[in-house]
PDB file of N, CA and C in Angstrom:
ATOM      1  N   MET A   1     112.331  76.213  82.596  1.00  0.00           N
ATOM      2  CA  MET A   1     111.231  76.151  84.129  1.00  0.00           C
ATOM      3  C   MET A   1     111.224  78.008  83.954  1.00  0.00           C
ATOM      4  N   GLY A   2     110.272  78.590  84.122  1.00  0.00           N
ATOM      5  CA  GLY A   2     109.804  79.732  83.775  1.00  0.00           C
ATOM      6  C   GLY A   2     110.318  80.096  85.331  1.00  0.00           C
ATOM      7  N   MET A   3     110.490  82.004  85.614  1.00  0.00           N
ATOM      8  CA  MET A   3     111.242  82.612  87.035  1.00  0.00           C
ATOM      9  C   MET A   3     109.610  83.000  87.211  1.00  0.00           C
ATOM     10  N   SER A   4     109.076  82.962  87.904  1.00  0.00           N
ATOM     11  CA  SER A   4     107.837  83.941  88.757  1.00  0.00           C
ATOM     12  C   SER A   4     108.290  84.793  89.170  1.00  0.00           C
ATOM     13  N   THR A   5     107.436  86.058  89.173  1.00  0.00           N
ATOM     14  CA  THR A   5     107.395  87.283  89.565  1.00  0.00           C
ATOM     15  C   THR A   5     107.296  87.323  91.401  1.00  0.00           C
ATOM     16  N   PRO A   6     108.124  87.433  92.685  1.00  0.00           N
ATOM     17  CA  PRO A   6     107.692  87.308  93.393  1.00  0.00           C
ATOM     18  C   PRO A   6     106.565  88.919  94.381  1.00  0.00           C
ATOM     19  N   SER A   7     105.578  88.068  94.798  1.00  0.00           N
ATOM     20  CA  SER A   7     104.786  88.949  95.536  1.00  0.00           C
ATOM     21  C   SER A   7     105.355  89.542  96.503  1.00  0.00           C
ATOM     22  N   ILE A   8     105.825  91.023  96.483  1.00  0.00           N
ATOM     23  CA  ILE A   8     106.014  91.236  98.275  1.00  0.00           C
ATOM     24  C   ILE A   8     105.508  92.496  98.262  1.00  0.00           C
ATOM     25  N   VAL A   9     104.953  92.147  99.812  1.00  0.00           N
ATOM     26  CA  VAL A   9     104.071  93.077 100.616  1.00  0.00           C
ATOM     27  C   VAL A   9     104.960  94.142 101.395  1.00  0.00           C
ATOM     28  N   PHE A  10     104.697  95.188 101.256  1.00  0.00           N
ATOM     29  CA  PHE A  10     105.072  96.210 101.914  1.00  0.00           C
ATOM     30  C   PHE A  10     104.277  96.694 103.383  1.00  0.00           C
ATOM     31  N   THR A  11     104.698  96.724 104.312  1.00  0.00           N
ATOM     32  CA  THR A  11     103.603  97.418 105.782  1.00  0.00           C
ATOM     33  C   THR A  11     104.502  99.008 105.849  1.00  0.00           C
ATOM     34  N   LEU A  12     103.353  99.770 105.688  1.00  0.00           N
ATOM     35  CA  LEU A  12     104.018 101.177 105.964  1.00  0.00           C
ATOM     36  C   LEU A  12     103.576 101.145 107.245  1.00  0.00           C
ATOM     37  N   ASN A  13     104.273 102.252 107.786  1.00  0.00           N
ATOM     38  CA  ASN A  13     104.020 103.170 109.295  1.00  0.00           C
ATOM     39  C   ASN A  13     103.634 104.456 108.505  1.00  0.00           C
ATOM     40  N   ASP A  14     103.055 105.075 109.771  1.00  0.00           N
ATOM     41  CA  ASP A  14     102.357 106.453 109.545  1.00  0.00           C
ATOM     42  C   ASP A  14     103.126 107.447 109.235  1.00  0.00           C
ATOM     43  N   ASP A  15     104.494 107.482 109.522  1.00  0.00           N
ATOM     44  CA  ASP A  15     105.217 108.906 108.594  1.00  0.00           C
ATOM     45  C   ASP A  15     105.771 107.923 107.133  1.00  0.00           C
ATOM     46  N   ASN A  16     105.634 107.032 106.637  1.00  0.00           N
ATOM     47  CA  ASN A  16     105.885 106.286 105.330  1.00  0.00           C
ATOM     48  C   ASN A  16     104.524 106.929 104.667  1.00  0.00           C
ATOM     49  N   LEU A  17     103.509 106.295 105.212  1.00  0.00           N
ATOM     50  CA  LEU A  17     101.936 106.639 104.593  1.00  0.00           C
ATOM     51  C   LEU A  17     101.367 107.321 104.193  1.00  0.00           C
ATOM     52  N   LYS A  18     101.746 108.981 105.361  1.00  0.00           N
ATOM     53  CA  LYS A  18     101.741 110.323 105.504  1.00  0.00           C
ATOM     54  C   LYS A  18     102.509 110.750 104.539  1.00  0.00           C
ATOM     55  N   ARG A  19     103.685 110.654 103.666  1.00  0.00           N
ATOM     56  CA  ARG A  19     104.801 111.222 102.872  1.00  0.00           C
ATOM     57  C   ARG A  19     104.198 110.904 101.517  1.00  0.00           C
ATOM     58  N   MET A  20     103.822 109.669 101.538  1.00  0.00           N
ATOM     59  CA  MET A  20     103.706 108.931  99.971  1.00  0.00           C
ATOM     60  C   MET A  20     101.708 109.619  99.714  1.00  0.00           C
ATOM     61  N   ILE A  21     101.844 110.228 101.215  1.00  0.00           N
ATOM     62  CA  ILE A  21      99.965 110.720 100.610  1.00  0.00           C
ATOM     63  C   ILE A  21     100.461 112.354 100.042  1.00  0.00           C
ATOM     64  N   ARG A  22     101.189 112.858 100.914  1.00  0.00           N
ATOM     65  CA  ARG A  22     101.150 114.300 100.920  1.00  0.00           C
ATOM     66  C   ARG A  22     101.985 114.519  99.343  1.00  0.00           C
ATOM     67  N   GLU A  23     103.114 113.342  99.058  1.00  0.00           N
ATOM     68  CA  GLU A  23     103.496 113.288  97.341  1.00  0.00           C
ATOM     69  C   GLU A  23     102.835 113.406  96.384  1.00  0.00           C
ATOM     70  N   ALA A  24     101.217 112.570  96.446  1.00  0.00           N
ATOM     71  CA  ALA A  24     100.706 112.013  95.642  1.00  0.00           C
ATOM     72  C   ALA A  24      99.658 113.352  95.395  1.00  0.00           C
ATOM     73  N   ALA A  25      99.039 113.678  96.909  1.00  0.00           N
ATOM     74  CA  ALA A  25      98.183 114.898  97.173  1.00  0.00           C
ATOM     75  C   ALA A  25      98.576 116.487  96.140  1.00  0.00           C
ATOM     76  N   THR A  26     100.637 116.774  95.479  1.00  0.00           N
ATOM     77  CA  THR A  26     101.229 117.431  95.427  1.00  0.00           C
ATOM     78  C   THR A  26     100.289 117.811  94.053  1.00  0.00           C
ATOM     79  N   ASP A  27      99.539 116.770  93.586  1.00  0.00           N
ATOM     80  CA  ASP A  27      99.037 117.227  91.798  1.00  0.00           C
ATOM     81  C   ASP A  27      97.936 116.667  92.022  1.00  0.00           C
ATOM     82  N   THR A  28      96.953 117.877  92.093  1.00  0.00           N
ATOM     83  CA  THR A  28      95.221 117.926  92.341  1.00  0.00           C
ATOM     84  C   THR A  28      94.729 116.802  91.562  1.00  0.00           C
ATOM     85  N   SER A  29      95.391 116.624  90.361  1.00  0.00           N
ATOM     86  CA  SER A  29      94.589 115.152  89.289  1.00  0.00           C
ATOM     87  C   SER A  29      94.477 113.699  90.001  1.00  0.00           C
ATOM     88  N   ARG A  30      95.580 113.634  91.158  1.00  0.00           N
ATOM     89  CA  ARG A  30      95.840 112.719  91.435  1.00  0.00           C
ATOM     90  C   ARG A  30      95.159 112.630  92.638  1.00  0.00           C
ATOM     91  N   VAL A  31      94.300 112.936  92.783  1.00  0.00           N
ATOM     92  CA  VAL A  31      93.211 112.670  94.111  1.00  0.00           C
ATOM     93  C   VAL A  31      91.757 112.661  93.537  1.00  0.00           C
ATOM     94  N   PHE A  32      91.285 111.846  94.404  1.00  0.00           N
ATOM     95  CA  PHE A  32      89.587 111.285  93.732  1.00  0.00           C
ATOM     96  C   PHE A  32      89.279 111.305  94.687  1.00  0.00           C
ATOM     97  N   PHE A  33      87.884 112.225  94.985  1.00  0.00           N
ATOM     98  CA  PHE A  33      86.954 111.785  96.610  1.00  0.00           C
ATOM     99  C   PHE A  33      85.795 111.099  96.120  1.00  0.00           C
ATOM    100  N   SER A  34      85.291 110.168  96.459  1.00  0.00           N
ATOM    101  CA  SER A  34      84.379 109.225  96.625  1.00  0.00           C
ATOM    102  C   SER A  34      82.766 110.010  96.786  1.00  0.00           C
ATOM    103  N   PRO A  35      82.038 109.587  96.137  1.00  0.00           N
ATOM    104  CA  PRO A  35      80.706 110.166  96.016  1.00  0.00           C
ATOM    105  C   PRO A  35      80.598 110.282  97.829  1.00  0.00           C
ATOM    106  N   HIS A  36      80.223 109.456  98.402  1.00  0.00           N
ATOM    107  CA  HIS A  36      80.268 109.604 100.007  1.00  0.00           C
ATOM    108  C   HIS A  36      81.294 111.062 100.618  1.00  0.00           C
ATOM    109  N   ALA A  37      82.387 110.984 100.335  1.00  0.00           N
ATOM    110  CA  ALA A  37      83.480 111.823 100.585  1.00  0.00           C
ATOM    111  C   ALA A  37      82.404 113.980 100.160  1.00  0.00           C
ATOM    112  N   LYS A  38      82.059 113.613  98.869  1.00  0.00           N
ATOM    113  CA  LYS A  38      81.625 114.566  97.935  1.00  0.00           C
ATOM    114  C   LYS A  38      80.463 115.140  98.873  1.00  0.00           C
ATOM    115  N   LYS A  39      79.674 113.921  99.646  1.00  0.00           N
ATOM    116  CA  LYS A  39      78.201 114.759 100.309  1.00  0.00           C
ATOM    117  C   LYS A  39      78.400 114.904 101.276  1.00  0.00           C
ATOM    118  N   ARG A  40      79.555 114.518 101.993  1.00  0.00           N
ATOM    119  CA  ARG A  40      80.000 114.847 103.548  1.00  0.00           C
ATOM    120  C   ARG A  40      80.484 116.223 103.267  1.00  0.00           C
ATOM    121  N   MET A  41      81.486 116.899 102.456  1.00  0.00           N
ATOM    122  CA  MET A  41      81.897 118.110 102.188  1.00  0.00           C
ATOM    123  C   MET A  41      80.882 118.973 101.951  1.00  0.00           C
ATOM    124  N   LYS A  42      79.925 118.223 101.195  1.00  0.00           N
ATOM    125  CA  LYS A  42      78.234 119.870 100.953  1.00  0.00           C
ATOM    126  C   LYS A  42      77.769 119.967 102.324  1.00  0.00           C
ATOM    127  N   GLN A  43      77.438 118.434 103.180  1.00  0.00           N
ATOM    128  CA  GLN A  43      77.092 118.921 103.903  1.00  0.00           C
ATOM    129  C   GLN A  43      77.691 119.915 105.013  1.00  0.00           C
ATOM    130  N   ARG A  44      79.386 119.028 104.752  1.00  0.00           N
ATOM    131  CA  ARG A  44      80.069 120.064 106.369  1.00  0.00           C
ATOM    132  C   ARG A  44      80.510 121.287 105.862  1.00  0.00           C
ATOM    133  N   LYS A  45      79.971 121.614 104.837  1.00  0.00           N
ATOM    134  CA  LYS A  45      80.731 122.823 103.688  1.00  0.00           C
ATOM    135  C   LYS A  45      82.532 123.043 103.986  1.00  0.00           C
ATOM    136  N   ILE A  46      82.591 121.839 104.021  1.00  0.00           N
ATOM    137  CA  ILE A  46      84.237 121.204 103.149  1.00  0.00           C
ATOM    138  C   ILE A  46      84.450 121.514 101.986  1.00  0.00           C
ATOM    139  N   THR A  47      85.685 122.354 101.747  1.00  0.00           N
ATOM    140  CA  THR A  47      85.754 122.847 100.033  1.00  0.00           C
ATOM    141  C   THR A  47      86.889 121.841 100.559  1.00  0.00           C
ATOM    142  N   PRO A  48      87.583 121.668  98.586  1.00  0.00           N
ATOM    143  CA  PRO A  48      88.387 121.032  98.112  1.00  0.00           C
ATOM    144  C   PRO A  48      89.754 121.836  98.754  1.00  0.00           C
ATOM    145  N   THR A  49      89.796 122.855  98.731  1.00  0.00           N
ATOM    146  CA  THR A  49      91.297 123.241  99.109  1.00  0.00           C
ATOM    147  C   THR A  49      91.745 122.954 100.405  1.00  0.00           C
ATOM    148  N   GLN A  50      90.562 123.043 101.667  1.00  0.00           N
ATOM    149  CA  GLN A  50      90.630 122.636 102.921  1.00  0.00           C
ATOM    150  C   GLN A  50      91.572 120.723 103.064  1.00  0.00           C
ATOM    151  N   VAL A  51      90.354 120.145 102.432  1.00  0.00           N
ATOM    152  CA  VAL A  51      91.126 118.909 101.373  1.00  0.00           C
ATOM    153  C   VAL A  51      92.476 118.582 101.327  1.00  0.00           C
ATOM    154  N   TYR A  52      93.104 119.186 100.555  1.00  0.00           N
ATOM    155  CA  TYR A  52      94.167 119.232  99.685  1.00  0.00           C
ATOM    156  C   TYR A  52      95.105 119.750 100.642  1.00  0.00           C
ATOM    157  N   ASP A  53      94.672 120.719 101.537  1.00  0.00           N
ATOM    158  CA  ASP A  53      95.810 120.929 102.627  1.00  0.00           C
ATOM    159  C   ASP A  53      95.803 120.280 103.928  1.00  0.00           C
ATOM    160  N   CYS A  54      94.862 119.506 104.170  1.00  0.00           N
ATOM    161  CA  CYS A  54      94.859 119.112 105.298  1.00  0.00           C
ATOM    162  C   CYS A  54      95.775 117.693 104.433  1.00  0.00           C
ATOM    163  N   LEU A  55      95.755 117.148 103.226  1.00  0.00           N
ATOM    164  CA  LEU A  55      96.262 115.713 103.169  1.00  0.00           C
ATOM    165  C   LEU A  55      97.428 116.401 102.431  1.00  0.00           C
ATOM    166  N   ARG A  56      98.312 117.291 102.475  1.00  0.00           N
ATOM    167  CA  ARG A  56      99.280 117.876 102.166  1.00  0.00           C
ATOM    168  C   ARG A  56     100.287 118.221 103.752  1.00  0.00           C
ATOM    169  N   ASN A  57      99.617 118.344 104.166  1.00  0.00           N
ATOM    170  CA  ASN A  57     100.061 119.284 105.969  1.00  0.00           C
ATOM    171  C   ASN A  57      99.827 118.663 107.020  1.00  0.00           C
ATOM    172  N   GLY A  58      98.905 117.529 106.775  1.00  0.00           N
ATOM    173  CA  GLY A  58      97.696 117.041 108.289  1.00  0.00           C
ATOM    174  C   GLY A  58      98.781 115.941 109.084  1.00  0.00           C
ATOM    175  N   SER A  59      98.257 115.848 110.197  1.00  0.00           N
ATOM    176  CA  SER A  59      98.621 114.672 111.147  1.00  0.00           C
ATOM    177  C   SER A  59      97.433 113.713 110.663  1.00  0.00           C
ATOM    178  N   VAL A  60      98.810 112.644 111.133  1.00  0.00           N
ATOM    179  CA  VAL A  60      97.755 111.618 111.153  1.00  0.00           C
ATOM    180  C   VAL A  60      97.097 111.307 112.899  1.00  0.00           C
ATOM    181  N   CYS A  61      95.954 110.886 112.873  1.00  0.00           N
ATOM    182  CA  CYS A  61      95.342 110.693 114.100  1.00  0.00           C
ATOM    183  C   CYS A  61      94.593 109.346 114.207  1.00  0.00           C
ATOM    184  N   GLU A  62      94.620 108.173 112.879  1.00  0.00           N
ATOM    185  CA  GLU A  62      94.525 106.822 112.647  1.00  0.00           C
ATOM    186  C   GLU A  62      95.059 106.469 112.154  1.00  0.00           C
ATOM    187  N   PRO A  63      96.044 105.509 112.749  1.00  0.00           N
ATOM    188  CA  PRO A  63      96.644 104.939 112.108  1.00  0.00           C
ATOM    189  C   PRO A  63      96.570 103.915 110.992  1.00  0.00           C
ATOM    190  N   ALA A  64      98.010 103.938 110.252  1.00  0.00           N
ATOM    191  CA  ALA A  64      98.118 103.849 108.825  1.00  0.00           C
ATOM    192  C   ALA A  64      97.121 101.802 108.801  1.00  0.00           C
ATOM    193  N   HIS A  65      96.236 101.536 108.368  1.00  0.00           N
ATOM    194  CA  HIS A  65      96.408 100.402 108.278  1.00  0.00           C
ATOM    195  C   HIS A  65      95.958  99.684 106.749  1.00  0.00           C
ATOM    196  N   VAL A  66      95.832  98.617 106.598  1.00  0.00           N
ATOM    197  CA  VAL A  66      95.430  98.230 104.918  1.00  0.00           C
ATOM    198  C   VAL A  66      93.850  98.189 105.457  1.00  0.00           C
ATOM    199  N   ASN A  67      93.130  98.813 104.545  1.00  0.00           N
ATOM    200  CA  ASN A  67      91.505  98.538 104.813  1.00  0.00           C
ATOM    201  C   ASN A  67      90.800  97.143 104.279  1.00  0.00           C
ATOM    202  N   ILE A  68      89.765  97.195 103.682  1.00  0.00           N
ATOM    203  CA  ILE A  68      89.415  95.796 102.945  1.00  0.00           C
ATOM    204  C   ILE A  68      89.469  95.928 101.420  1.00  0.00           C
ATOM    205  N   HIS A  69      89.729  96.745 101.068  1.00  0.00           N
ATOM    206  CA  HIS A  69      90.033  96.892  99.735  1.00  0.00           C
ATOM    207  C   HIS A  69      91.807  96.702  99.774  1.00  0.00           C
ATOM    208  N   GLY A  70      92.836  96.162  99.934  1.00  0.00           N
ATOM    209  CA  GLY A  70      93.869  95.520 100.392  1.00  0.00           C
ATOM    210  C   GLY A  70      94.865  97.153  99.986  1.00  0.00           C
ATOM    211  N   ASN A  71      93.725  98.094 100.063  1.00  0.00           N
ATOM    212  CA  ASN A  71      94.864  99.716 100.075  1.00  0.00           C
ATOM    213  C   ASN A  71      94.871 100.175 101.484  1.00  0.00           C
ATOM    214  N   TRP A  72      96.192 101.135 101.801  1.00  0.00           N
ATOM    215  CA  TRP A  72      96.833 101.412 103.233  1.00  0.00           C
ATOM    216  C   TRP A  72      96.070 102.593 102.785  1.00  0.00           C
ATOM    217  N   GLN A  73      95.661 102.733 104.398  1.00  0.00           N
ATOM    218  CA  GLN A  73      94.673 104.312 105.086  1.00  0.00           C
ATOM    219  C   GLN A  73      95.190 104.447 105.943  1.00  0.00           C
ATOM    220  N   CYS A  74      95.471 106.312 106.380  1.00  0.00           N
ATOM    221  CA  CYS A  74      94.909 106.473 107.338  1.00  0.00           C
ATOM    222  C   CYS A  74      94.433 107.537 107.634  1.00  0.00           C
ATOM    223  N   THR A  75      93.715 108.432 108.808  1.00  0.00           N
ATOM    224  CA  THR A  75      92.873 109.638 108.640  1.00  0.00           C
ATOM    225  C   THR A  75      94.012 110.663 109.817  1.00  0.00           C
ATOM    226  N   LEU A  76      93.808 112.064 108.326  1.00  0.00           N
ATOM    227  CA  LEU A  76      94.776 112.683 108.686  1.00  0.00           C
ATOM    228  C   LEU A  76      93.641 114.333 109.488  1.00  0.00           C
ATOM    229  N   THR A  77      94.277 115.047 110.159  1.00  0.00           N
ATOM    230  CA  THR A  77      93.515 116.247 110.749  1.00  0.00           C
ATOM    231  C   THR A  77      94.363 117.097 110.722  1.00  0.00           C
ATOM    232  N   ARG A  78      93.877 118.315 110.216  1.00  0.00           N
ATOM    233  CA  ARG A  78      94.258 119.592 110.453  1.00  0.00           C
ATOM    234  C   ARG A  78      93.895 120.939 110.310  1.00  0.00           C
ATOM    235  N   ARG A  79      93.736 121.943 111.143  1.00  0.00           N
ATOM    236  CA  ARG A  79      93.419 122.874 111.185  1.00  0.00           C
ATOM    237  C   ARG A  79      93.442 123.648 110.106  1.00  0.00           C
ATOM    238  N   HIS A  80      92.429 124.290 109.263  1.00  0.00           N
ATOM    239  CA  HIS A  80      93.149 125.165 107.780  1.00  0.00           C
ATOM    240  C   HIS A  80      91.140 126.365 107.857  1.00  0.00           C
ATOM    241  N   ALA A  81      92.177 127.261 107.702  1.00  0.00           N
ATOM    242  CA  ALA A  81      90.803 128.243 108.209  1.00  0.00           C
ATOM    243  C   ALA A  81      89.701 128.506 109.299  1.00  0.00           C
ATOM    244  N   GLY A  82      90.408 127.987 110.261  1.00  0.00           N
ATOM    245  CA  GLY A  82      89.900 128.355 111.703  1.00  0.00           C
ATOM    246  C   GLY A  82      88.939 127.185 111.708  1.00  0.00           C
ATOM    247  N   ASP A  83      89.340 126.249 110.961  1.00  0.00           N
ATOM    248  CA  ASP A  83      87.806 124.907 111.236  1.00  0.00           C
ATOM    249  C   ASP A  83      88.833 123.819 111.336  1.00  0.00           C
ATOM    250  N   GLU A  84      88.993 123.101 112.038  1.00  0.00           N
ATOM    251  CA  GLU A  84      89.294 121.359 112.073  1.00  0.00           C
ATOM    252  C   GLU A  84      88.894 120.785 111.115  1.00  0.00           C
ATOM    253  N   VAL A  85      90.132 120.171 110.498  1.00  0.00           N
ATOM    254  CA  VAL A  85      89.168 119.461 109.115  1.00  0.00           C
ATOM    255  C   VAL A  85      89.827 118.173 109.403  1.00  0.00           C
ATOM    256  N   THR A  86      88.858 117.287 109.116  1.00  0.00           N
ATOM    257  CA  THR A  86      89.893 115.110 109.163  1.00  0.00           C
ATOM    258  C   THR A  86      89.114 115.042 107.524  1.00  0.00           C
ATOM    259  N   VAL A  87      90.581 113.843 107.338  1.00  0.00           N
ATOM    260  CA  VAL A  87      90.346 113.191 106.120  1.00  0.00           C
ATOM    261  C   VAL A  87      90.443 111.779 105.888  1.00  0.00           C
ATOM    262  N   ALA A  88      89.586 111.319 106.205  1.00  0.00           N
ATOM    263  CA  ALA A  88      89.872 109.307 106.101  1.00  0.00           C
ATOM    264  C   ALA A  88      90.382 109.396 104.600  1.00  0.00           C
ATOM    265  N   ALA A  89      91.978 109.095 104.256  1.00  0.00           N
ATOM    266  CA  ALA A  89      92.379 108.985 103.334  1.00  0.00           C
ATOM    267  C   ALA A  89      93.419 107.361 102.920  1.00  0.00           C
ATOM    268  N   ALA A  90      93.072 106.801 101.385  1.00  0.00           N
ATOM    269  CA  ALA A  90      93.736 105.608 100.851  1.00  0.00           C
ATOM    270  C   ALA A  90      94.355 105.564 100.149  1.00  0.00           C
ATOM    271  N   LEU A  91      95.248 105.362 100.238  1.00  0.00           N
ATOM    272  CA  LEU A  91      96.279 105.092  99.046  1.00  0.00           C
ATOM    273  C   LEU A  91      97.038 104.186  98.119  1.00  0.00           C
ATOM    274  N   GLU A  92      96.537 104.459  96.944  1.00  0.00           N
ATOM    275  CA  GLU A  92      96.050 103.479  95.716  1.00  0.00           C
ATOM    276  C   GLU A  92      97.382 103.587  94.706  1.00  0.00           C
ATOM    277  N   ARG A  93      98.017 102.039  93.926  1.00  0.00           N
ATOM    278  CA  ARG A  93      99.010 102.398  92.625  1.00  0.00           C
ATOM    279  C   ARG A  93      98.446 102.200  91.961  1.00  0.00           C
ATOM    280  N   ASP A  94      98.803 102.679  90.873  1.00  0.00           N
ATOM    281  CA  ASP A  94      98.160 101.660  89.586  1.00  0.00           C
ATOM    282  C   ASP A  94     100.053 101.681  88.672  1.00  0.00           C
ATOM    283  N   GLY A  95      99.791 102.365  86.964  1.00  0.00           N
ATOM    284  CA  GLY A  95     100.673 101.499  86.524  1.00  0.00           C
ATOM    285  C   GLY A  95     101.746 103.039  86.472  1.00  0.00           C
ATOM    286  N   GLN A  96     100.385 104.237  86.480  1.00  0.00           N
ATOM    287  CA  GLN A  96     101.653 105.236  86.752  1.00  0.00           C
ATOM    288  C   GLN A  96     101.761 105.818  87.963  1.00  0.00           C
ATOM    289  N   GLY A  97     101.733 105.113  89.086  1.00  0.00           N
ATOM    290  CA  GLY A  97     102.326 105.831  90.779  1.00  0.00           C
ATOM    291  C   GLY A  97     101.091 106.109  91.321  1.00  0.00           C
ATOM    292  N   ASN A  98     101.480 106.959  92.132  1.00  0.00           N
ATOM    293  CA  ASN A  98     100.343 106.768  93.271  1.00  0.00           C
ATOM    294  C   ASN A  98      99.548 107.809  93.577  1.00  0.00           C
ATOM    295  N   TRP A  99      98.512 107.429  93.326  1.00  0.00           N
ATOM    296  CA  TRP A  99      97.298 108.221  94.094  1.00  0.00           C
ATOM    297  C   TRP A  99      96.632 108.237  95.197  1.00  0.00           C
ATOM    298  N   VAL A 100      95.395 109.021  95.428  1.00  0.00           N
ATOM    299  CA  VAL A 100      94.894 109.178  96.834  1.00  0.00           C
ATOM    300  C   VAL A 100      93.481 108.706  96.717  1.00  0.00           C
ATOM    301  N   THR A 101      92.571 107.966  97.486  1.00  0.00           N
ATOM    302  CA  THR A 101      91.590 108.557  97.030  1.00  0.00           C
ATOM    303  C   THR A 101      90.480 108.890  98.233  1.00  0.00           C
ATOM    304  N   VAL A 102      90.177 109.510  98.229  1.00  0.00           N
ATOM    305  CA  VAL A 102      89.302 110.614  99.863  1.00  0.00           C
ATOM    306  C   VAL A 102      88.089 110.068 100.168  1.00  0.00           C
ATOM    307  N   ILE A 103      88.060 108.980 101.424  1.00  0.00           N
ATOM    308  CA  ILE A 103      87.141 108.210 101.574  1.00  0.00           C
ATOM    309  C   ILE A 103      85.850 108.529 102.798  1.00  0.00           C
ATOM    310  N   THR A 104      86.326 109.494 103.333  1.00  0.00           N
ATOM    311  CA  THR A 104      85.406 110.771 103.722  1.00  0.00           C
ATOM    312  C   THR A 104      85.788 112.177 104.863  1.00  0.00           C
ATOM    313  N   VAL A 105      85.013 112.521 104.931  1.00  0.00           N
ATOM    314  CA  VAL A 105      85.893 113.917 105.232  1.00  0.00           C
ATOM    315  C   VAL A 105      84.719 114.831 106.802  1.00  0.00           C
ATOM    316  N   TYR A 106      85.527 115.357 107.572  1.00  0.00           N
ATOM    317  CA  TYR A 106      84.836 115.275 108.742  1.00  0.00           C
ATOM    318  C   TYR A 106      85.464 116.829 109.338  1.00  0.00           C
TER     319      TYR A 106
END
């Protein structure tokens, strides 16, 4: 009789998800921008530096939830260089660890 690997679903709260996003965002190579986010950044004159700062130091303004792709997502906000920057981000995981997808920016 073979052993099966149990499927464990983790529930994240705002603080835990924020901490995991911060940890992943310390390495910019683990932050990916969706085409939509890149378009909105250009339209709204928001720099990657502002987005990274928001991911690393922002406050949760939309609570942690599982998105339609099955990934944990929240929205963070942060004032940077006089601008209020808001970032919707999803935490994804692969064999190499966690990484962040920036969904949209405003």
